[in-house]
Amino acid sequence: MKKQTIHNSDLYGFIPPQAVDVEEILLGAMLSDSTTMDMETVSELTTECFYKDHHQKIFKSILDIRLMSHYYDFALVCDYMRQNGSLDQIGGPVTLLAIMNKVASNSGSSHHAKILIDRKNERKCINLAQNIIQLHRDNDLKVDKVLDLFDELKKDYENIIDNRPVSLKDYGPSYLNEINTKLDKNKLLKTNIDEVNEIIDGFMPGQIAIIAARPSAGKTSFAMKQIKTWAEKGAKGLFFSLETTKFSLMNKLVCIEDDRFNLKRLKNHEIEGVELELSAAVNKLMKLPIYLTDISILNSRSLNKTVKYFKKKHSINYIVLDYIQLMDGEGSNDNEKMAEVSKNLKRIAKDYDLPVIALSQLSRDCEKEKRKPTMADLRNSGQIEQDADIIMFLYRPDRYNEDKKISHEIIVSVAKNKDGSISDTKIYANHTFTDFDSHWKWDNSTQYNPIQPYNPNQQIEPNKSFDKPIEDLPF
């Protein structure tokens, strides 16, 4: 007879949490009545819920037969195990018969299944502790690895709870609570442009939204405009910039706050004479709940760790990533790496219940062919197209003008929208492409000029209206 499997916990001199008697009773109910497998909680069992190796083999055989024909009985299980060689390993048909005769009905099977699931989770906790001890013995004990082990255990447990089938009667109250929560102003993030909101309505928790454009088309500034809009309404956000420094991002926010500032001059530190105005703009921005990081290297693990911290510490409502192709992913080629990044973003959106807005580069094909972008223009786009709930392109028609005349019109093209329509709308950018609106609202006289500093030598023309005689005085 084959030796039984020794669990890792046995090596430490104690028997892990288990309920072998309950396993036998539950397997006996399954062998006696095939409907037992359809009962609540029983249907959630997996092979690892059974501690004893023999019991795992019996349960797996039942699962295999159900996948093939749904119906099974004692004879079918016995024959299937004989064919795959596992019947002799458990002690032959006598063992199966003994287990089946231990129970008269399946009335307590749901309760028994819950016991086995609890014991399985307890064993996982112990195995986690053993893994941590082993890392210490191997001189490889790092906080990041320990936290990853905890996250893996937590997600596994939450998946069991979240994925249980539920009746509409039980789900109804949760649905009403969820839909009311998503109507919260801090959770449904609308852009500052009504025409765009009419298409996508807004960015919702659990969603991935892609904002894609060619370089220098204004996608970072467009994103900064939106987070400032959301922050002014109380929404807290985390902005990951893998390309742009915090200084450059702050320059854009200053120009959005006061469009009299010139982005180029701020970049060159040309602020002589406008220090007070700059301080006033910065003081307003400092009150907004926006968190910036200009980390240059970011992988899925560090992203998840940072989002988890800010969600717990600051209750952030969204994250923005600029831009997705600069993230480090795991894989042998760019497509595989991007697929890993995309799946992790989807997981973060769901796990932390917030929208993930990821900026993306486009291939130059659309400019070469002088056409508006499509989803095929997304770089390494396969998995992104699948995982994204919203895909939005920013498209500047002036890029295709032969005379190269600069226009401030931008086309917002919604190419994918799982919960709504797809459409295009025209918006306008200010002189330095740092502010955006549905109509032109900027004074042409301020184009590319900073706030003018005070010049004490400037000659001011006197008001000649005072030279005219005043009639009808009251005295």
Protein backbone atom coordinates (compact mmCIF):
# COMPACT_ATOMS: atom_id res chain seq x y z
CA MET A 1 0.00 0.00 0.00
CA LYS A 2 1.31 3.45 -0.92
CA LYS A 3 2.50 5.61 1.92
CA GLN A 4 0.21 8.48 2.88
CA THR A 5 1.17 12.06 2.03
CA ILE A 6 2.95 13.82 4.89
CA HIS A 7 1.83 17.45 5.31
CA ASN A 8 4.44 20.09 5.97
CA SER A 9 2.92 20.82 9.36
CA ASP A 10 3.57 17.22 10.47
CA LEU A 11 7.30 17.92 10.29
CA TYR A 12 7.00 20.35 13.20
CA GLY A 13 5.68 17.67 15.58
CA PHE A 14 1.96 18.39 15.57
CA ILE A 15 -1.06 17.47 13.49
CA PRO A 16 -2.52 20.38 11.48
CA PRO A 17 -6.21 21.35 11.82
CA GLN A 18 -8.31 18.58 10.27
CA ALA A 19 -11.56 16.69 10.70
CA VAL A 20 -11.06 13.22 9.24
CA ASP A 21 -14.31 11.86 10.71
CA VAL A 22 -16.26 14.70 9.10
CA GLU A 23 -14.50 14.00 5.79
CA GLU A 24 -15.65 10.37 5.93
CA ILE A 25 -19.24 11.32 6.78
CA LEU A 26 -19.39 13.85 3.95
CA LEU A 27 -17.85 11.46 1.41
CA GLY A 28 -20.30 8.79 2.56
CA ALA A 29 -23.20 11.17 1.88
CA MET A 30 -21.78 11.91 -1.59
CA LEU A 31 -21.43 8.20 -2.42
CA SER A 32 -24.94 7.46 -1.14
CA ASP A 33 -26.71 10.37 -2.88
CA SER A 34 -25.33 12.24 -5.92
CA THR A 35 -27.50 15.30 -5.15
CA THR A 36 -25.26 16.00 -2.15
CA MET A 37 -22.76 17.67 -4.49
CA ASP A 38 -25.34 20.29 -5.47
CA MET A 39 -26.08 21.37 -1.90
CA GLU A 40 -25.13 24.80 -0.59
CA THR A 41 -21.48 25.03 0.56
CA VAL A 42 -20.78 21.45 -0.60
CA SER A 43 -20.52 22.77 -4.16
CA GLU A 44 -17.70 25.08 -2.99
CA LEU A 45 -15.44 22.24 -1.83
CA THR A 46 -12.08 21.67 -3.48
CA THR A 47 -9.69 18.73 -3.23
CA GLU A 48 -7.47 20.57 -0.74
CA CYS A 49 -10.41 20.85 1.69
CA PHE A 50 -9.76 17.18 2.52
CA TYR A 51 -6.77 16.51 4.76
CA LYS A 52 -6.37 12.77 4.27
CA ASP A 53 -4.76 11.71 1.01
CA HIS A 54 -7.22 8.83 0.46
CA HIS A 55 -10.14 11.19 0.85
CA GLN A 56 -8.65 13.60 -1.67
CA LYS A 57 -8.45 10.78 -4.23
CA ILE A 58 -12.08 9.77 -3.66
CA PHE A 59 -13.35 13.35 -3.89
CA LYS A 60 -11.33 14.06 -7.04
CA SER A 61 -12.77 10.94 -8.69
CA ILE A 62 -16.30 12.12 -7.89
CA LEU A 63 -15.51 15.53 -9.40
CA ASP A 64 -14.04 13.96 -12.56
CA ILE A 65 -17.10 11.76 -13.11
CA ARG A 66 -19.47 14.70 -12.61
CA LEU A 67 -17.58 16.68 -15.24
CA MET A 68 -18.06 13.83 -17.71
CA SER A 69 -21.65 12.75 -17.05
CA HIS A 70 -22.95 14.68 -14.02
CA TYR A 71 -24.54 11.52 -12.54
CA TYR A 72 -22.48 9.15 -10.43
CA ASP A 73 -23.00 6.39 -7.86
CA PHE A 74 -20.90 3.97 -5.80
CA ALA A 75 -20.37 1.56 -8.68
CA LEU A 76 -19.29 4.30 -11.13
CA VAL A 77 -16.83 5.78 -8.64
CA CYS A 78 -15.42 2.36 -7.86
CA ASP A 79 -14.96 1.57 -11.55
CA TYR A 80 -13.39 4.97 -12.34
CA MET A 81 -10.87 4.62 -9.50
CA ARG A 82 -10.00 1.10 -10.62
CA GLN A 83 -9.24 2.38 -14.14
CA ASN A 84 -6.95 5.18 -13.01
CA GLY A 85 -5.19 3.00 -10.45
CA SER A 86 -6.26 4.89 -7.35
CA LEU A 87 -8.67 2.24 -6.01
CA ASP A 88 -5.89 -0.04 -4.76
CA GLN A 89 -4.09 2.99 -3.29
CA ILE A 90 -6.98 3.68 -0.90
CA GLY A 91 -7.44 0.01 0.11
CA GLY A 92 -9.87 -1.23 -2.54
CA PRO A 93 -13.71 -1.24 -2.75
CA VAL A 94 -13.91 -2.20 0.93
CA THR A 95 -12.70 1.26 1.94
CA LEU A 96 -15.33 2.96 -0.22
CA LEU A 97 -18.07 0.70 1.13
CA ALA A 98 -17.04 1.35 4.73
CA ILE A 99 -17.16 5.11 4.16
CA MET A 100 -20.57 4.94 2.47
CA ASN A 101 -22.06 2.91 5.33
CA LYS A 102 -21.09 5.54 7.90
CA VAL A 103 -23.97 7.86 7.02
CA ALA A 104 -27.71 7.43 6.66
CA SER A 105 -28.57 10.76 4.97
CA ASN A 106 -27.04 13.98 3.67
CA SER A 107 -29.06 16.30 5.91
CA GLY A 108 -25.99 17.77 7.60
CA SER A 109 -23.75 17.92 4.55
CA SER A 110 -23.73 21.72 4.17
CA HIS A 111 -22.61 22.12 7.78
CA HIS A 112 -19.97 19.42 7.34
CA ALA A 113 -18.64 21.14 4.19
CA LYS A 114 -18.26 24.43 6.08
CA ILE A 115 -16.18 22.66 8.72
CA LEU A 116 -13.83 21.29 6.07
CA ILE A 117 -13.47 24.71 4.40
CA ASP A 118 -12.63 26.29 7.77
CA ARG A 119 -10.02 23.60 8.49
CA LYS A 120 -8.47 24.15 5.07
CA ASN A 121 -8.13 27.90 5.72
CA GLU A 122 -6.61 27.20 9.15
CA ARG A 123 -4.02 24.92 7.53
CA LYS A 124 -3.19 27.66 5.03
CA CYS A 125 -2.54 30.10 7.87
CA ILE A 126 -0.18 27.61 9.49
CA ASN A 127 1.58 26.96 6.18
CA LEU A 128 2.01 30.71 5.79
CA ALA A 129 3.75 30.88 9.16
CA GLN A 130 5.96 27.94 8.16
CA ASN A 131 6.90 29.66 4.91
CA ILE A 132 7.94 32.76 6.85
CA ILE A 133 10.08 30.61 9.17
CA GLN A 134 11.65 28.93 6.15
CA LEU A 135 12.47 32.32 4.60
CA HIS A 136 14.25 33.20 7.85
CA ARG A 137 16.22 29.94 7.78
CA ASP A 138 17.23 30.65 4.18
CA ASN A 139 18.34 34.18 5.16
CA ASP A 140 15.78 35.50 2.68
CA LEU A 141 13.26 37.04 5.08
CA LYS A 142 12.13 40.35 3.57
CA VAL A 143 9.07 42.38 4.51
CA ASP A 144 7.88 42.56 0.90
CA LYS A 145 7.84 38.78 0.57
CA VAL A 146 5.96 38.36 3.84
CA LEU A 147 3.35 40.91 2.82
CA ASP A 148 2.95 39.18 -0.54
CA LEU A 149 2.27 35.89 1.26
CA PHE A 150 -0.35 37.55 3.44
CA ASP A 151 -2.00 39.20 0.41
CA GLU A 152 -2.13 35.88 -1.42
CA LEU A 153 -3.82 34.20 1.54
CA LYS A 154 -6.27 37.06 2.01
CA LYS A 155 -7.26 37.15 -1.67
CA ASP A 156 -7.74 33.39 -1.71
CA TYR A 157 -10.09 33.60 1.27
CA GLU A 158 -11.98 36.60 -0.13
CA ASN A 159 -12.45 34.82 -3.46
CA ILE A 160 -14.17 31.95 -1.66
CA ILE A 161 -16.57 34.36 0.03
CA ASP A 162 -17.19 36.63 -2.97
CA ASN A 163 -17.68 33.86 -5.53
CA ARG A 164 -20.40 31.96 -3.70
CA PRO A 165 -23.62 31.76 -5.71
CA VAL A 166 -26.29 34.05 -4.29
CA SER A 167 -30.02 34.31 -4.87
CA LEU A 168 -31.61 37.51 -6.17
CA LYS A 169 -33.47 37.74 -2.86
CA ASP A 170 -30.17 37.87 -0.97
CA TYR A 171 -28.36 40.03 -3.55
CA GLY A 172 -31.10 42.67 -3.89
CA PRO A 173 -30.15 44.76 -0.81
CA SER A 174 -26.44 44.56 -1.72
CA TYR A 175 -27.24 45.73 -5.25
CA LEU A 176 -29.18 48.76 -3.98
CA ASN A 177 -26.36 49.62 -1.60
CA GLU A 178 -23.77 49.26 -4.38
CA ILE A 179 -25.65 51.38 -6.90
CA ASN A 180 -26.25 54.09 -4.30
CA THR A 181 -22.55 54.02 -3.40
CA LYS A 182 -21.52 54.47 -7.03
CA LEU A 183 -23.70 57.54 -7.23
CA ASP A 184 -21.57 59.15 -4.51
CA LYS A 185 -19.92 62.29 -5.92
CA ASN A 186 -16.49 61.16 -4.71
CA LYS A 187 -16.80 57.75 -6.38
CA LEU A 188 -18.37 58.61 -9.73
CA LEU A 189 -15.68 60.81 -11.25
CA LYS A 190 -17.02 63.08 -13.98
CA THR A 191 -14.72 65.08 -16.23
CA ASN A 192 -14.90 68.87 -16.48
CA ILE A 193 -16.43 68.52 -19.96
CA ASP A 194 -20.18 67.86 -20.16
CA GLU A 195 -20.00 66.45 -23.69
CA VAL A 196 -17.52 63.77 -22.56
CA ASN A 197 -19.68 62.96 -19.51
CA GLU A 198 -22.68 62.43 -21.78
CA ILE A 199 -20.74 59.64 -23.51
CA ILE A 200 -19.01 57.85 -20.62
CA ASP A 201 -21.03 59.29 -17.70
CA GLY A 202 -17.93 59.15 -15.52
CA PHE A 203 -15.22 56.84 -14.18
CA MET A 204 -16.60 54.28 -11.73
CA PRO A 205 -14.94 52.16 -9.01
CA GLY A 206 -13.64 48.86 -10.36
CA GLN A 207 -13.13 50.25 -13.86
CA ILE A 208 -9.99 50.59 -15.95
CA ALA A 209 -10.02 53.61 -18.26
CA ILE A 210 -7.36 54.14 -20.90
CA ILE A 211 -6.61 57.67 -22.16
CA ALA A 212 -4.34 57.34 -25.16
CA ALA A 213 -2.65 59.84 -27.46
CA ARG A 214 0.47 60.53 -29.45
CA PRO A 215 3.35 62.33 -27.66
CA SER A 216 2.75 66.04 -26.99
CA ALA A 217 -0.97 65.72 -27.68
CA GLY A 218 -1.83 66.82 -24.14
CA LYS A 219 -2.80 63.56 -22.42
CA THR A 220 -0.83 64.27 -19.22
CA SER A 221 -2.21 67.80 -18.98
CA PHE A 222 -5.71 66.49 -19.70
CA ALA A 223 -5.32 64.00 -16.85
CA MET A 224 -4.00 66.73 -14.53
CA LYS A 225 -7.00 68.89 -15.38
CA GLN A 226 -9.32 66.05 -14.40
CA ILE A 227 -7.64 65.25 -11.09
CA LYS A 228 -7.74 68.94 -10.16
CA THR A 229 -11.45 68.96 -11.01
CA TRP A 230 -12.03 65.88 -8.86
CA ALA A 231 -9.89 67.16 -6.01
CA GLU A 232 -11.87 70.41 -5.87
CA LYS A 233 -14.96 68.25 -5.23
CA GLY A 234 -13.25 66.33 -2.43
CA ALA A 235 -12.02 63.21 -4.25
CA LYS A 236 -8.56 62.04 -3.16
CA GLY A 237 -6.22 60.71 -5.83
CA LEU A 238 -2.81 59.18 -6.40
CA PHE A 239 -0.89 60.11 -9.57
CA PHE A 240 1.96 57.84 -10.70
CA SER A 241 4.24 59.59 -13.18
CA LEU A 242 6.83 57.32 -14.77
CA GLU A 243 7.83 59.90 -17.36
CA THR A 244 7.41 63.39 -15.88
CA THR A 245 8.92 64.86 -12.70
CA LYS A 246 6.84 66.26 -9.85
CA PHE A 247 8.21 69.70 -10.74
CA SER A 248 6.80 69.48 -14.28
CA LEU A 249 3.48 68.16 -13.01
CA MET A 250 3.26 71.07 -10.57
CA ASN A 251 4.00 73.49 -13.42
CA LYS A 252 1.01 72.10 -15.30
CA LEU A 253 -1.23 72.39 -12.23
CA VAL A 254 -0.14 76.01 -11.73
CA CYS A 255 -1.02 76.81 -15.35
CA ILE A 256 -4.39 75.11 -14.93
CA GLU A 257 -5.02 77.08 -11.74
CA ASP A 258 -4.10 80.40 -13.38
CA ASP A 259 -3.81 80.33 -17.18
CA ARG A 260 -1.95 83.66 -17.22
CA PHE A 261 1.17 81.67 -16.36
CA ASN A 262 3.28 80.40 -19.22
CA LEU A 263 4.39 76.77 -18.99
CA LYS A 264 7.66 77.38 -20.81
CA ARG A 265 8.68 80.23 -18.52
CA LEU A 266 7.78 78.27 -15.39
CA LYS A 267 9.94 75.43 -16.69
CA ASN A 268 12.85 77.88 -17.06
CA HIS A 269 12.21 79.37 -13.58
CA GLU A 270 11.35 82.78 -15.10
CA ILE A 271 9.12 84.09 -12.30
CA GLU A 272 10.67 87.49 -11.57
CA GLY A 273 7.97 89.96 -10.61
CA VAL A 274 5.20 87.35 -10.27
CA GLU A 275 6.28 85.64 -7.06
CA LEU A 276 3.16 86.71 -5.17
CA GLU A 277 0.83 85.44 -7.89
CA LEU A 278 2.74 82.15 -8.03
CA SER A 279 2.53 81.74 -4.26
CA ALA A 280 -1.20 82.39 -4.36
CA ALA A 281 -1.71 79.71 -7.01
CA VAL A 282 0.48 77.19 -5.18
CA ASN A 283 -1.27 77.85 -1.86
CA LYS A 284 -4.61 77.01 -3.49
CA LEU A 285 -3.18 73.80 -4.96
CA MET A 286 -1.66 72.76 -1.63
CA LYS A 287 -5.16 72.42 -0.18
CA LEU A 288 -6.15 69.79 -2.76
CA PRO A 289 -6.00 66.07 -1.79
CA ILE A 290 -3.66 65.05 -4.64
CA TYR A 291 -0.65 62.77 -4.10
CA LEU A 292 2.12 62.75 -6.70
CA THR A 293 4.95 60.29 -7.24
CA ASP A 294 7.48 60.47 -10.06
CA ILE A 295 8.97 57.02 -9.52
CA SER A 296 10.87 55.95 -12.64
CA ILE A 297 10.65 52.18 -12.11
CA LEU A 298 7.31 50.64 -11.19
CA ASN A 299 6.24 47.00 -11.26
CA SER A 300 2.99 45.32 -10.29
CA ARG A 301 4.15 44.46 -6.79
CA SER A 302 5.29 47.98 -5.85
CA LEU A 303 2.17 49.49 -7.46
CA ASN A 304 -0.10 47.22 -5.45
CA LYS A 305 1.84 47.94 -2.26
CA THR A 306 1.62 51.72 -2.73
CA VAL A 307 -2.08 51.70 -3.63
CA LYS A 308 -2.83 49.50 -0.63
CA TYR A 309 -1.02 51.92 1.70
CA PHE A 310 -2.72 55.05 0.32
CA LYS A 311 -6.13 53.38 0.28
CA LYS A 312 -5.77 52.46 3.94
CA LYS A 313 -3.98 55.62 5.10
CA HIS A 314 -5.69 58.30 2.99
CA SER A 315 -8.84 56.60 1.59
CA ILE A 316 -7.95 57.52 -2.00
CA ASN A 317 -10.78 57.43 -4.55
CA TYR A 318 -8.78 56.80 -7.75
CA ILE A 319 -5.31 56.33 -9.22
CA VAL A 320 -3.82 57.69 -12.45
CA LEU A 321 -0.86 56.03 -14.16
CA ASP A 322 1.26 57.95 -16.68
CA TYR A 323 1.94 55.95 -18.71
CA ILE A 324 1.20 52.24 -18.85
CA GLN A 325 3.90 51.16 -21.34
CA LEU A 326 6.63 52.33 -18.92
CA MET A 327 5.59 49.85 -16.23
CA ASP A 328 7.78 46.81 -15.63
CA GLY A 329 5.87 43.61 -16.35
CA GLU A 330 6.78 39.95 -16.19
CA GLY A 331 7.09 38.05 -19.45
CA SER A 332 9.42 37.07 -22.26
CA ASN A 333 8.24 39.81 -24.65
CA ASP A 334 6.50 43.19 -24.59
CA ASN A 335 3.04 41.72 -25.20
CA GLU A 336 3.34 39.29 -22.31
CA LYS A 337 4.69 42.02 -20.02
CA MET A 338 1.84 44.34 -20.92
CA ALA A 339 -0.70 41.54 -20.39
CA GLU A 340 0.64 41.01 -16.86
CA VAL A 341 0.48 44.74 -16.12
CA SER A 342 -3.05 45.04 -17.51
CA LYS A 343 -4.38 42.10 -15.48
CA ASN A 344 -2.82 43.53 -12.32
CA LEU A 345 -4.44 46.92 -12.92
CA LYS A 346 -7.80 45.18 -13.27
CA ARG A 347 -7.17 43.35 -10.02
CA ILE A 348 -6.26 46.59 -8.23
CA ALA A 349 -9.41 48.32 -9.51
CA LYS A 350 -11.57 45.49 -8.13
CA ASP A 351 -9.68 44.78 -4.91
CA TYR A 352 -9.54 48.42 -3.80
CA ASP A 353 -12.85 49.48 -5.35
CA LEU A 354 -11.56 52.49 -7.25
CA PRO A 355 -11.19 53.55 -10.89
CA VAL A 356 -7.77 53.13 -12.47
CA ILE A 357 -7.08 55.71 -15.19
CA ALA A 358 -4.05 54.67 -17.23
CA LEU A 359 -2.50 56.90 -19.88
CA SER A 360 -1.13 55.16 -22.93
CA GLN A 361 1.08 55.90 -25.92
CA LEU A 362 -0.12 55.30 -29.48
CA SER A 363 1.89 54.02 -32.40
CA ARG A 364 2.84 56.58 -35.04
CA ASP A 365 0.81 54.77 -37.73
CA CYS A 366 -2.21 57.02 -37.22
CA GLU A 367 -0.07 60.11 -37.88
CA LYS A 368 1.63 58.54 -40.87
CA GLU A 369 -1.72 57.59 -42.37
CA LYS A 370 -3.33 60.90 -41.29
CA ARG A 371 -6.33 59.31 -39.61
CA LYS A 372 -7.87 59.27 -36.19
CA PRO A 373 -6.55 56.59 -33.80
CA THR A 374 -8.14 53.17 -33.33
CA MET A 375 -7.65 50.50 -30.68
CA ALA A 376 -5.19 48.76 -32.99
CA ASP A 377 -2.87 51.77 -32.51
CA LEU A 378 -2.44 51.06 -28.80
CA ARG A 379 1.06 49.77 -28.23
CA ASN A 380 1.06 46.10 -27.19
CA SER A 381 -2.69 46.47 -26.99
CA GLY A 382 -4.08 42.93 -26.95
CA GLN A 383 -4.74 42.50 -23.24
CA ILE A 384 -5.40 46.22 -22.66
CA GLU A 385 -8.27 46.15 -25.15
CA GLN A 386 -9.82 43.23 -23.28
CA ASP A 387 -9.38 44.46 -19.72
CA ALA A 388 -10.25 48.14 -20.22
CA ASP A 389 -13.79 49.31 -19.55
CA ILE A 390 -13.23 52.64 -21.31
CA ILE A 391 -10.75 53.50 -24.06
CA MET A 392 -10.52 57.15 -24.99
CA PHE A 393 -8.28 58.81 -27.58
CA LEU A 394 -7.12 62.43 -27.68
CA TYR A 395 -6.61 63.41 -31.27
CA ARG A 396 -5.32 66.76 -32.64
CA PRO A 397 -6.47 67.38 -36.23
CA ASP A 398 -3.83 70.11 -36.70
CA ARG A 399 -1.17 67.38 -36.70
CA TYR A 400 -2.33 66.50 -40.20
CA ASN A 401 -2.53 70.02 -41.63
CA GLU A 402 -0.11 70.60 -44.46
CA ASP A 403 0.48 74.23 -43.42
CA LYS A 404 1.34 73.09 -39.86
CA LYS A 405 -0.90 75.79 -38.45
CA ILE A 406 -1.49 75.20 -34.75
CA SER A 407 -5.10 74.71 -33.78
CA HIS A 408 -6.42 74.34 -30.27
CA GLU A 409 -9.13 71.90 -31.22
CA ILE A 410 -8.86 68.37 -29.83
CA ILE A 411 -11.10 65.44 -30.69
CA VAL A 412 -11.98 63.14 -27.80
CA SER A 413 -12.82 59.79 -29.36
CA VAL A 414 -14.40 57.17 -27.07
CA ALA A 415 -13.61 53.90 -28.86
CA LYS A 416 -14.73 51.49 -26.13
CA ASN A 417 -17.31 51.95 -23.41
CA LYS A 418 -18.65 48.81 -21.75
CA ASP A 419 -21.48 50.60 -19.97
CA GLY A 420 -22.51 53.08 -22.63
CA SER A 421 -22.14 54.43 -26.14
CA ILE A 422 -19.07 55.24 -28.23
CA SER A 423 -18.78 58.61 -29.89
CA ASP A 424 -16.53 61.59 -30.67
CA THR A 425 -16.72 65.12 -29.34
CA LYS A 426 -14.69 68.28 -29.89
CA ILE A 427 -12.99 70.10 -27.03
CA TYR A 428 -10.56 73.03 -26.85
CA ALA A 429 -7.18 73.50 -25.18
CA ASN A 430 -5.71 76.80 -24.02
CA HIS A 431 -2.58 78.38 -25.48
CA THR A 432 -0.13 76.04 -23.75
CA PHE A 433 -2.34 72.94 -23.88
CA THR A 434 -2.59 72.79 -20.08
CA ASP A 435 -6.30 73.58 -19.69
CA PHE A 436 -9.28 72.06 -21.49
CA ASP A 437 -12.93 72.92 -21.96
CA SER A 438 -15.85 72.28 -24.29
CA HIS A 439 -15.57 75.78 -25.76
CA TRP A 440 -12.89 78.44 -26.26
CA LYS A 441 -12.84 80.55 -23.09
CA TRP A 442 -9.34 82.04 -23.07
CA ASP A 443 -8.49 85.63 -23.94
CA ASN A 444 -6.37 85.79 -27.09
CA SER A 445 -4.40 88.69 -25.67
CA THR A 446 -2.80 86.41 -23.07
CA GLN A 447 -1.44 83.94 -25.60
CA TYR A 448 1.99 82.63 -24.57
CA ASN A 449 2.50 85.59 -22.19
CA PRO A 450 3.12 85.31 -18.45
CA ILE A 451 1.60 87.59 -15.85
CA GLN A 452 3.23 90.94 -16.51
CA PRO A 453 5.41 92.11 -13.58
CA TYR A 454 5.20 95.63 -12.20
CA ASN A 455 7.59 98.05 -13.94
CA PRO A 456 8.29 101.19 -11.88
CA ASN A 457 9.69 103.01 -14.97
CA GLN A 458 6.61 102.40 -17.06
CA GLN A 459 4.96 105.63 -18.25
CA ILE A 460 1.22 105.61 -17.63
CA GLU A 461 -0.95 107.86 -19.75
CA PRO A 462 -3.07 110.23 -17.63
CA ASN A 463 -6.83 109.95 -17.80
CA LYS A 464 -7.71 112.91 -20.03
CA SER A 465 -11.37 112.77 -19.10
CA PHE A 466 -10.51 114.79 -15.99
CA ASP A 467 -9.51 117.71 -18.27
CA LYS A 468 -13.11 118.16 -19.39
CA PRO A 469 -15.35 120.64 -17.51
CA ILE A 470 -17.85 118.96 -15.23
CA GLU A 471 -21.40 120.31 -15.42
CA ASP A 472 -24.38 119.96 -13.12
CA LEU A 473 -22.41 119.79 -9.89
CA PRO A 474 -24.64 119.33 -6.81
CA PHE A 475 -23.10 122.36 -5.05
